[in-house]
C-alpha atoms as a PDB file:
ATOM      1  CA  MET A   1       2.615   6.479   9.474  1.00  0.00           C
ATOM      2  CA  PHE A   2       4.274   9.593   8.096  1.00  0.00           C
ATOM      3  CA  PRO A   3       5.523  12.077  10.748  1.00  0.00           C
ATOM      4  CA  ILE A   4       3.204  14.862   9.532  1.00  0.00           C
ATOM      5  CA  LEU A   5       0.213  12.566  10.055  1.00  0.00           C
ATOM      6  CA  GLU A   6       1.494  11.244  13.380  1.00  0.00           C
ATOM      7  CA  ASP A   7       1.691  14.840  14.622  1.00  0.00           C
ATOM      8  CA  ALA A   8      -1.742  15.805  13.287  1.00  0.00           C
ATOM      9  CA  PHE A   9      -3.522  12.854  14.890  1.00  0.00           C
ATOM     10  CA  ILE A  10      -1.468  12.498  18.083  1.00  0.00           C
ATOM     11  CA  ARG A  11      -4.419  13.501  20.296  1.00  0.00           C
ATOM     12  CA  PHE A  12      -6.984  11.594  18.222  1.00  0.00           C
ATOM     13  CA  PRO A  13      -6.149   7.850  18.157  1.00  0.00           C
ATOM     14  CA  MET A  14      -9.471   6.832  16.593  1.00  0.00           C
ATOM     15  CA  ARG A  15      -9.162   9.488  13.889  1.00  0.00           C
ATOM     16  CA  LYS A  16      -5.636   8.252  13.279  1.00  0.00           C
ATOM     17  CA  LYS A  17      -7.095   4.785  12.740  1.00  0.00           C
ATOM     18  CA  VAL A  18      -9.489   6.226  10.133  1.00  0.00           C
ATOM     19  CA  ALA A  19      -6.748   8.261   8.438  1.00  0.00           C
ATOM     20  CA  SER A  20      -4.554   5.168   8.277  1.00  0.00           C
ATOM     21  CA  LEU A  21      -7.305   3.246   6.487  1.00  0.00           C
ATOM     22  CA  LEU A  22      -7.805   6.120   4.049  1.00  0.00           C
ATOM     23  CA  LEU A  23      -4.104   6.001   3.169  1.00  0.00           C
ATOM     24  CA  LYS A  24      -3.942   2.215   2.848  1.00  0.00           C
ATOM     25  CA  GLN A  25      -7.054   2.049   0.679  1.00  0.00           C
ATOM     26  CA  GLY A  26      -6.324   5.170  -1.347  1.00  0.00           C
ATOM     27  CA  LEU A  27      -9.549   6.865  -0.204  1.00  0.00           C
ATOM     28  CA  ARG A  28      -9.650  10.577  -0.882  1.00  0.00           C
ATOM     29  CA  VAL A  29     -11.345  13.382   1.030  1.00  0.00           C
ATOM     30  CA  ASP A  30     -13.111  16.250  -0.743  1.00  0.00           C
ATOM     31  CA  LYS A  31     -13.342  19.886   0.406  1.00  0.00           C
ATOM     32  CA  ASN A  32     -16.531  19.064   2.366  1.00  0.00           C
ATOM     33  CA  GLY A  33     -14.935  16.205   4.283  1.00  0.00           C
ATOM     34  CA  ASN A  34     -16.689  13.465   2.318  1.00  0.00           C
ATOM     35  CA  ILE A  35     -14.722  10.294   1.636  1.00  0.00           C
ATOM     36  CA  TYR A  36     -14.458   8.728  -1.821  1.00  0.00           C
ATOM     37  CA  SER A  37     -13.036   5.677  -3.492  1.00  0.00           C
ATOM     38  CA  GLY A  38     -12.354   7.112  -6.925  1.00  0.00           C
ATOM     39  CA  ASN A  39     -15.635   8.833  -7.748  1.00  0.00           C
ATOM     40  CA  VAL A  40     -17.757   6.654  -5.461  1.00  0.00           C
ATOM     41  CA  GLU A  41     -18.714   8.251  -2.159  1.00  0.00           C
ATOM     42  CA  MET A  42     -18.128   5.968   0.812  1.00  0.00           C
ATOM     43  CA  ALA A  43     -20.704   5.789   3.598  1.00  0.00           C
ATOM     44  CA  PRO A  44     -19.155   6.830   6.950  1.00  0.00           C
ATOM     45  CA  SER A  45     -21.184   4.109   8.676  1.00  0.00           C
ATOM     46  CA  LYS A  46     -19.599   1.394   6.505  1.00  0.00           C
ATOM     47  CA  ILE A  47     -16.084   2.694   7.183  1.00  0.00           C
ATOM     48  CA  ALA A  48     -16.902   2.935  10.901  1.00  0.00           C
ATOM     49  CA  LYS A  49     -18.189  -0.633  10.953  1.00  0.00           C
ATOM     50  CA  ALA A  50     -15.047  -1.931   9.226  1.00  0.00           C
ATOM     51  CA  LEU A  51     -12.842  -0.161  11.785  1.00  0.00           C
ATOM     52  CA  GLN A  52     -15.122  -0.776  14.769  1.00  0.00           C
ATOM     53  CA  VAL A  53     -15.358   2.925  15.572  1.00  0.00           C
ATOM     54  CA  ASP A  54     -18.299   5.270  15.915  1.00  0.00           C
ATOM     55  CA  ARG A  55     -19.602   6.753  12.644  1.00  0.00           C
ATOM     56  CA  ARG A  56     -19.064  10.244  14.042  1.00  0.00           C
ATOM     57  CA  VAL A  57     -15.308   9.552  14.280  1.00  0.00           C
ATOM     58  CA  VAL A  58     -15.236   8.933  10.520  1.00  0.00           C
ATOM     59  CA  VAL A  59     -17.213  12.114   9.814  1.00  0.00           C
ATOM     60  CA  GLU A  60     -14.998  14.151  12.177  1.00  0.00           C
ATOM     61  CA  THR A  61     -11.845  12.731  10.561  1.00  0.00           C
ATOM     62  CA  GLY A  62     -13.056  13.703   7.092  1.00  0.00           C
ATOM     63  CA  GLN A  63     -13.950  17.188   8.322  1.00  0.00           C
ATOM     64  CA  MET A  64     -10.609  17.607  10.096  1.00  0.00           C
ATOM     65  CA  ILE A  65      -8.756  16.615   6.935  1.00  0.00           C
ATOM     66  CA  ALA A  66     -10.832  19.044   4.850  1.00  0.00           C
ATOM     67  CA  ASP A  67     -10.222  21.883   7.323  1.00  0.00           C
ATOM     68  CA  VAL A  68      -6.455  21.486   7.760  1.00  0.00           C
ATOM     69  CA  PRO A  69      -4.624  22.548   4.581  1.00  0.00           C
ATOM     70  CA  GLU A  70      -1.587  20.326   5.268  1.00  0.00           C
ATOM     71  CA  LEU A  71      -3.828  17.267   5.649  1.00  0.00           C
ATOM     72  CA  PHE A  72      -6.083  18.177   2.752  1.00  0.00           C
ATOM     73  CA  SER A  73      -3.063  18.500   0.456  1.00  0.00           C
ATOM     74  CA  ILE A  74      -2.273  14.838   1.217  1.00  0.00           C
ATOM     75  CA  PHE A  75      -5.742  13.296   1.221  1.00  0.00           C
ATOM     76  CA  HIS A  76      -7.521  15.142  -1.600  1.00  0.00           C
ATOM     77  CA  SER A  77      -5.623  13.392  -4.395  1.00  0.00           C
ATOM     78  CA  LEU A  78      -5.412   9.822  -3.119  1.00  0.00           C
ATOM     79  CA  ALA A  79      -6.579   7.135  -5.537  1.00  0.00           C
ATOM     80  CA  PRO A  80      -7.236   3.414  -5.125  1.00  0.00           C
ATOM     81  CA  THR A  81      -5.070   1.066  -7.164  1.00  0.00           C
ATOM     82  CA  THR A  82      -5.648  -2.459  -8.391  1.00  0.00           C
ATOM     83  CA  SER A  83      -3.391  -5.297  -7.355  1.00  0.00           C
ATOM     84  CA  ILE A  84      -3.804  -8.537  -9.286  1.00  0.00           C
ATOM     85  CA  ARG A  85      -1.890 -10.476  -6.631  1.00  0.00           C
ATOM     86  CA  GLY A  86      -4.947 -12.350  -5.385  1.00  0.00           C
ATOM     87  CA  VAL A  87      -5.907 -13.510  -8.869  1.00  0.00           C
ATOM     88  CA  ALA A  88      -2.460 -13.863 -10.450  1.00  0.00           C
ATOM     89  CA  ARG A  89      -2.563 -17.665 -10.414  1.00  0.00           C
ATOM     90  CA  SER A  90      -5.979 -17.686 -12.064  1.00  0.00           C
ATOM     91  CA  LEU A  91      -4.567 -15.429 -14.773  1.00  0.00           C
ATOM     92  CA  GLY A  92      -1.597 -17.756 -15.289  1.00  0.00           C
ATOM     93  CA  PHE A  93       1.013 -15.558 -13.578  1.00  0.00           C
ATOM     94  CA  GLU A  94       3.565 -16.158 -10.817  1.00  0.00           C
ATOM     95  CA  VAL A  95       3.824 -14.066  -7.653  1.00  0.00           C
ATOM     96  CA  LEU A  96       7.125 -13.250  -5.989  1.00  0.00           C
ATOM     97  CA  GLU A  97       6.789 -11.717  -2.522  1.00  0.00           C
ATOM     98  CA  ILE A  98       9.835 -10.154  -0.908  1.00  0.00           C
ATOM     99  CA  GLU A  99      10.442  -8.831   2.573  1.00  0.00           C
ATOM    100  CA  ALA A 100      13.574  -6.694   2.672  1.00  0.00           C
ATOM    101  CA  GLU A 101      15.235  -3.946   4.636  1.00  0.00           C
ATOM    102  CA  PRO A 102      12.551  -1.277   4.105  1.00  0.00           C
ATOM    103  CA  HIS A 103      14.851   1.689   3.515  1.00  0.00           C
ATOM    104  CA  ALA A 104      17.534  -0.090   1.496  1.00  0.00           C
ATOM    105  CA  VAL A 105      18.363   1.562  -1.805  1.00  0.00           C
ATOM    106  CA  GLY A 106      18.076  -0.373  -5.067  1.00  0.00           C
ATOM    107  CA  ILE A 107      15.842  -3.261  -4.011  1.00  0.00           C
ATOM    108  CA  ILE A 108      13.507  -3.040  -6.992  1.00  0.00           C
ATOM    109  CA  SER A 109      16.357  -2.396  -9.406  1.00  0.00           C
ATOM    110  CA  ALA A 110      18.391  -5.385  -8.226  1.00  0.00           C
ATOM    111  CA  VAL A 111      15.451  -7.805  -8.237  1.00  0.00           C
ATOM    112  CA  THR A 112      14.028  -6.671 -11.577  1.00  0.00           C
ATOM    113  CA  THR A 113      17.462  -6.892 -13.175  1.00  0.00           C
ATOM    114  CA  ILE A 114      17.686 -10.562 -12.155  1.00  0.00           C
ATOM    115  CA  ILE A 115      14.165 -11.195 -13.474  1.00  0.00           C
ATOM    116  CA  SER A 116      15.003  -9.414 -16.723  1.00  0.00           C
ATOM    117  CA  GLU A 117      18.185 -11.467 -17.143  1.00  0.00           C
ATOM    118  CA  ALA A 118      15.958 -14.570 -16.896  1.00  0.00           C
ATOM    119  CA  HIS A 119      13.918 -13.166 -19.838  1.00  0.00           C
ATOM    120  CA  ILE A 120      10.701 -12.943 -17.838  1.00  0.00           C
ATOM    121  CA  SER A 121       8.204 -10.137 -18.270  1.00  0.00           C
ATOM    122  CA  ILE A 122       6.859  -8.373 -15.217  1.00  0.00           C
ATOM    123  CA  ARG A 123       3.131  -7.633 -15.215  1.00  0.00           C
ATOM    124  CA  GLN A 124       2.909  -5.645 -12.005  1.00  0.00           C
ATOM    125  CA  ILE A 125       5.007  -4.432  -9.095  1.00  0.00           C
ATOM    126  CA  VAL A 126       3.442  -3.315  -5.829  1.00  0.00           C
ATOM    127  CA  SER A 127       5.672  -2.001  -3.076  1.00  0.00           C
ATOM    128  CA  ASP A 128       4.267  -1.235   0.367  1.00  0.00           C
ATOM    129  CA  ASP A 129       5.366   2.052   1.892  1.00  0.00           C
ATOM    130  CA  PRO A 130       7.266   1.361   5.138  1.00  0.00           C
ATOM    131  CA  ASP A 131       5.684   4.413   6.782  1.00  0.00           C
ATOM    132  CA  ILE A 132       2.193   3.030   6.166  1.00  0.00           C
ATOM    133  CA  TYR A 133       2.701  -0.721   6.563  1.00  0.00           C
ATOM    134  CA  PRO A 134       4.580  -2.110   9.585  1.00  0.00           C
ATOM    135  CA  ASP A 135       5.858  -5.127   7.582  1.00  0.00           C
ATOM    136  CA  PRO A 136       6.213  -3.796   4.032  1.00  0.00           C
ATOM    137  CA  LYS A 137       6.423  -6.208   1.132  1.00  0.00           C
ATOM    138  CA  LEU A 138       7.482  -5.975  -2.465  1.00  0.00           C
ATOM    139  CA  VAL A 139       5.166  -8.027  -4.675  1.00  0.00           C
ATOM    140  CA  ILE A 140       6.175  -8.772  -8.248  1.00  0.00           C
ATOM    141  CA  ILE A 141       3.740 -10.443 -10.644  1.00  0.00           C
ATOM    142  CA  MET A 142       5.572 -12.227 -13.465  1.00  0.00           C
ATOM    143  CA  GLU A 143       4.332 -13.839 -16.652  1.00  0.00           C
ATOM    144  CA  LYS A 144       5.989 -17.165 -15.847  1.00  0.00           C
ATOM    145  CA  ARG A 145       7.893 -19.061 -13.196  1.00  0.00           C
ATOM    146  CA  LEU A 146      11.306 -17.769 -12.206  1.00  0.00           C
ATOM    147  CA  PRO A 147      14.123 -20.303 -12.749  1.00  0.00           C
ATOM    148  CA  ALA A 148      15.815 -21.677  -9.619  1.00  0.00           C
ATOM    149  CA  LYS A 149      19.097 -20.003 -10.559  1.00  0.00           C
ATOM    150  CA  ALA A 150      17.402 -16.585 -10.559  1.00  0.00           C
ATOM    151  CA  LEU A 151      15.727 -17.288  -7.211  1.00  0.00           C
ATOM    152  CA  VAL A 152      19.104 -18.123  -5.696  1.00  0.00           C
ATOM    153  CA  LYS A 153      20.513 -14.824  -6.990  1.00  0.00           C
ATOM    154  CA  ILE A 154      17.622 -12.899  -5.428  1.00  0.00           C
ATOM    155  CA  ARG A 155      17.993 -14.745  -2.093  1.00  0.00           C
ATOM    156  CA  GLU A 156      21.684 -13.819  -2.057  1.00  0.00           C
ATOM    157  CA  LEU A 157      20.970 -10.079  -2.214  1.00  0.00           C
ATOM    158  CA  LYS A 158      22.145  -8.589   1.089  1.00  0.00           C
ATOM    159  CA  PHE A 159      18.941  -6.704   1.915  1.00  0.00           C
ATOM    160  CA  ILE A 160      16.518  -9.615   1.391  1.00  0.00           C
ATOM    161  CA  LYS A 161      14.987 -10.970   4.613  1.00  0.00           C
ATOM    162  CA  LYS A 162      12.352 -13.330   3.230  1.00  0.00           C
ATOM    163  CA  LEU A 163      11.331 -14.549  -0.202  1.00  0.00           C
ATOM    164  CA  SER A 164       8.247 -16.515  -1.157  1.00  0.00           C
ATOM    165  CA  ILE A 165       6.614 -17.636  -4.370  1.00  0.00           C
ATOM    166  CA  GLY A 166       2.894 -18.095  -4.666  1.00  0.00           C
END
């Protein structure tokens, strides 16, 4: 989690759990402390059930975020995004999942250059933030299968830890 959020929730581990979910899911908080996915208000009881916390913790987290300007400036503009990773195969696409050194510079550039040189179009790229996800991944959805030669080039990149195709 980002240092500013670690500091804000240091004394509130359950609220930190709620705030972490809000970040991961792109759930925003309005000026009244209500939680939304896009324009759809989320029931605190449903969030609480998913996290196995008391509903009041969710309400208190939303209120805390609304009341603290530094937190509100982060959470009021969050938005959910769509990842087609789970349905890529059904849509006829290939999925390349990469685990790399999280703070290495040029990961996306190096990998997409290799894909481009193979004349393959990229439909979507989703990169996990290393401050939000403990094991961040780079997921690239491509229009067709990557040739073996290109896969070897990607595997040889110095910052790549793990590579999988699905």
